[in-house]
Amino acid sequence: IRSNSFTELQNKLNDISGPDGGLQDPRLVSQFVQLMESASSTEEKSILIQSLLETKENSKAVYNRFFSVGGIETLGK
């Protein structure tokens, strides 16, 4: 049974993800990083990393925004 926080995180992630499961809108990257900061369990962090990995390789604007809002530092926490 999954916790309410996991379900809530998954719903929020679905709201900001594209149809392929990855990020596609640079304007939503800040929300994604906030989700990363609030993730408390390994399972929550895993689905966020999976979403990041599913982001299209050619989404340069998404990755630039991810770097500029501290996404790399947040990954390391």
C-alpha atoms as a PDB file:
ATOM      1  CA  ILE A   1       0.000   0.000   0.000  1.00  0.00           C
ATOM      2  CA  ARG A   2       1.403   3.355  -1.001  1.00  0.00           C
ATOM      3  CA  SER A   3       1.324   6.330   1.300  1.00  0.00           C
ATOM      4  CA  ASN A   4      -0.815   9.380   0.689  1.00  0.00           C
ATOM      5  CA  SER A   5       2.314  11.474   0.185  1.00  0.00           C
ATOM      6  CA  PHE A   6       3.491   9.137  -2.588  1.00  0.00           C
ATOM      7  CA  THR A   7       0.102   9.288  -4.333  1.00  0.00           C
ATOM      8  CA  GLU A   8       0.016  13.064  -4.006  1.00  0.00           C
ATOM      9  CA  LEU A   9       3.541  13.362  -5.399  1.00  0.00           C
ATOM     10  CA  GLN A  10       2.666  11.077  -8.306  1.00  0.00           C
ATOM     11  CA  ASN A  11      -0.447  13.140  -9.108  1.00  0.00           C
ATOM     12  CA  LYS A  12       1.534  16.391  -9.055  1.00  0.00           C
ATOM     13  CA  LEU A  13       4.201  14.828 -11.262  1.00  0.00           C
ATOM     14  CA  ASN A  14       1.551  13.684 -13.736  1.00  0.00           C
ATOM     15  CA  ASP A  15       0.237  17.260 -13.878  1.00  0.00           C
ATOM     16  CA  ILE A  16       3.607  18.666 -14.960  1.00  0.00           C
ATOM     17  CA  SER A  17       4.805  15.796 -17.168  1.00  0.00           C
ATOM     18  CA  GLY A  18       4.289  15.332 -20.865  1.00  0.00           C
ATOM     19  CA  PRO A  19       2.581  12.339 -22.453  1.00  0.00           C
ATOM     20  CA  ASP A  20       5.880  10.432 -22.560  1.00  0.00           C
ATOM     21  CA  GLY A  21       6.314  10.857 -18.790  1.00  0.00           C
ATOM     22  CA  GLY A  22       9.209  13.303 -19.043  1.00  0.00           C
ATOM     23  CA  LEU A  23       9.354  17.035 -18.540  1.00  0.00           C
ATOM     24  CA  GLN A  24       8.594  19.059 -21.624  1.00  0.00           C
ATOM     25  CA  ASP A  25       7.841  22.588 -20.456  1.00  0.00           C
ATOM     26  CA  PRO A  26      10.706  24.646 -19.014  1.00  0.00           C
ATOM     27  CA  ARG A  27       8.167  26.764 -17.085  1.00  0.00           C
ATOM     28  CA  LEU A  28       7.277  23.735 -14.960  1.00  0.00           C
ATOM     29  CA  VAL A  29      10.820  22.746 -14.006  1.00  0.00           C
ATOM     30  CA  SER A  30      10.736  24.825 -10.814  1.00  0.00           C
ATOM     31  CA  GLN A  31       7.701  22.851  -9.666  1.00  0.00           C
ATOM     32  CA  PHE A  32       9.568  19.642 -10.469  1.00  0.00           C
ATOM     33  CA  VAL A  33      12.552  20.726  -8.356  1.00  0.00           C
ATOM     34  CA  GLN A  34      10.158  21.583  -5.505  1.00  0.00           C
ATOM     35  CA  LEU A  35       8.773  18.046  -5.749  1.00  0.00           C
ATOM     36  CA  MET A  36      12.332  16.735  -5.569  1.00  0.00           C
ATOM     37  CA  GLU A  37      12.961  18.772  -2.431  1.00  0.00           C
ATOM     38  CA  SER A  38       9.804  17.462  -0.766  1.00  0.00           C
ATOM     39  CA  ALA A  39      10.369  13.793  -1.680  1.00  0.00           C
ATOM     40  CA  SER A  40      11.095  11.895   1.499  1.00  0.00           C
ATOM     41  CA  SER A  41      11.206   8.249   0.518  1.00  0.00           C
ATOM     42  CA  THR A  42      13.454   6.381  -1.877  1.00  0.00           C
ATOM     43  CA  GLU A  43      10.383   5.373  -3.872  1.00  0.00           C
ATOM     44  CA  GLU A  44       9.331   9.019  -4.296  1.00  0.00           C
ATOM     45  CA  LYS A  45      12.819  10.052  -5.357  1.00  0.00           C
ATOM     46  CA  SER A  46      12.962   7.140  -7.806  1.00  0.00           C
ATOM     47  CA  ILE A  47       9.853   8.173  -9.735  1.00  0.00           C
ATOM     48  CA  LEU A  48      11.148  11.738  -9.972  1.00  0.00           C
ATOM     49  CA  ILE A  49      14.498  10.586 -11.321  1.00  0.00           C
ATOM     50  CA  GLN A  50      12.695   8.293 -13.766  1.00  0.00           C
ATOM     51  CA  SER A  51      10.675  11.254 -15.029  1.00  0.00           C
ATOM     52  CA  LEU A  52      13.861  13.244 -15.493  1.00  0.00           C
ATOM     53  CA  LEU A  53      15.400  10.362 -17.438  1.00  0.00           C
ATOM     54  CA  GLU A  54      12.313  10.173 -19.663  1.00  0.00           C
ATOM     55  CA  THR A  55      12.720  13.810 -20.673  1.00  0.00           C
ATOM     56  CA  LYS A  56      13.631  14.058 -24.339  1.00  0.00           C
ATOM     57  CA  GLU A  57      17.333  14.454 -24.999  1.00  0.00           C
ATOM     58  CA  ASN A  58      16.686  17.439 -27.263  1.00  0.00           C
ATOM     59  CA  SER A  59      14.811  19.389 -24.573  1.00  0.00           C
ATOM     60  CA  LYS A  60      17.687  21.799 -24.099  1.00  0.00           C
ATOM     61  CA  ALA A  61      15.454  24.485 -22.596  1.00  0.00           C
ATOM     62  CA  VAL A  62      14.163  22.051 -19.958  1.00  0.00           C
ATOM     63  CA  TYR A  63      17.656  20.944 -18.987  1.00  0.00           C
ATOM     64  CA  ASN A  64      18.983  24.526 -18.937  1.00  0.00           C
ATOM     65  CA  ARG A  65      16.158  25.499 -16.606  1.00  0.00           C
ATOM     66  CA  PHE A  66      16.790  22.420 -14.445  1.00  0.00           C
ATOM     67  CA  PHE A  67      20.437  23.441 -14.016  1.00  0.00           C
ATOM     68  CA  SER A  68      19.611  27.104 -13.389  1.00  0.00           C
ATOM     69  CA  VAL A  69      17.076  26.442 -10.602  1.00  0.00           C
ATOM     70  CA  GLY A  70      19.416  24.167  -8.675  1.00  0.00           C
ATOM     71  CA  GLY A  71      18.155  20.792  -9.846  1.00  0.00           C
ATOM     72  CA  ILE A  72      21.605  19.202  -9.796  1.00  0.00           C
ATOM     73  CA  GLU A  73      22.234  20.337  -6.224  1.00  0.00           C
ATOM     74  CA  THR A  74      18.837  19.012  -5.191  1.00  0.00           C
ATOM     75  CA  LEU A  75      19.610  15.623  -6.755  1.00  0.00           C
ATOM     76  CA  GLY A  76      22.689  15.394  -4.549  1.00  0.00           C
ATOM     77  CA  LYS A  77      20.764  15.852  -1.302  1.00  0.00           C
END
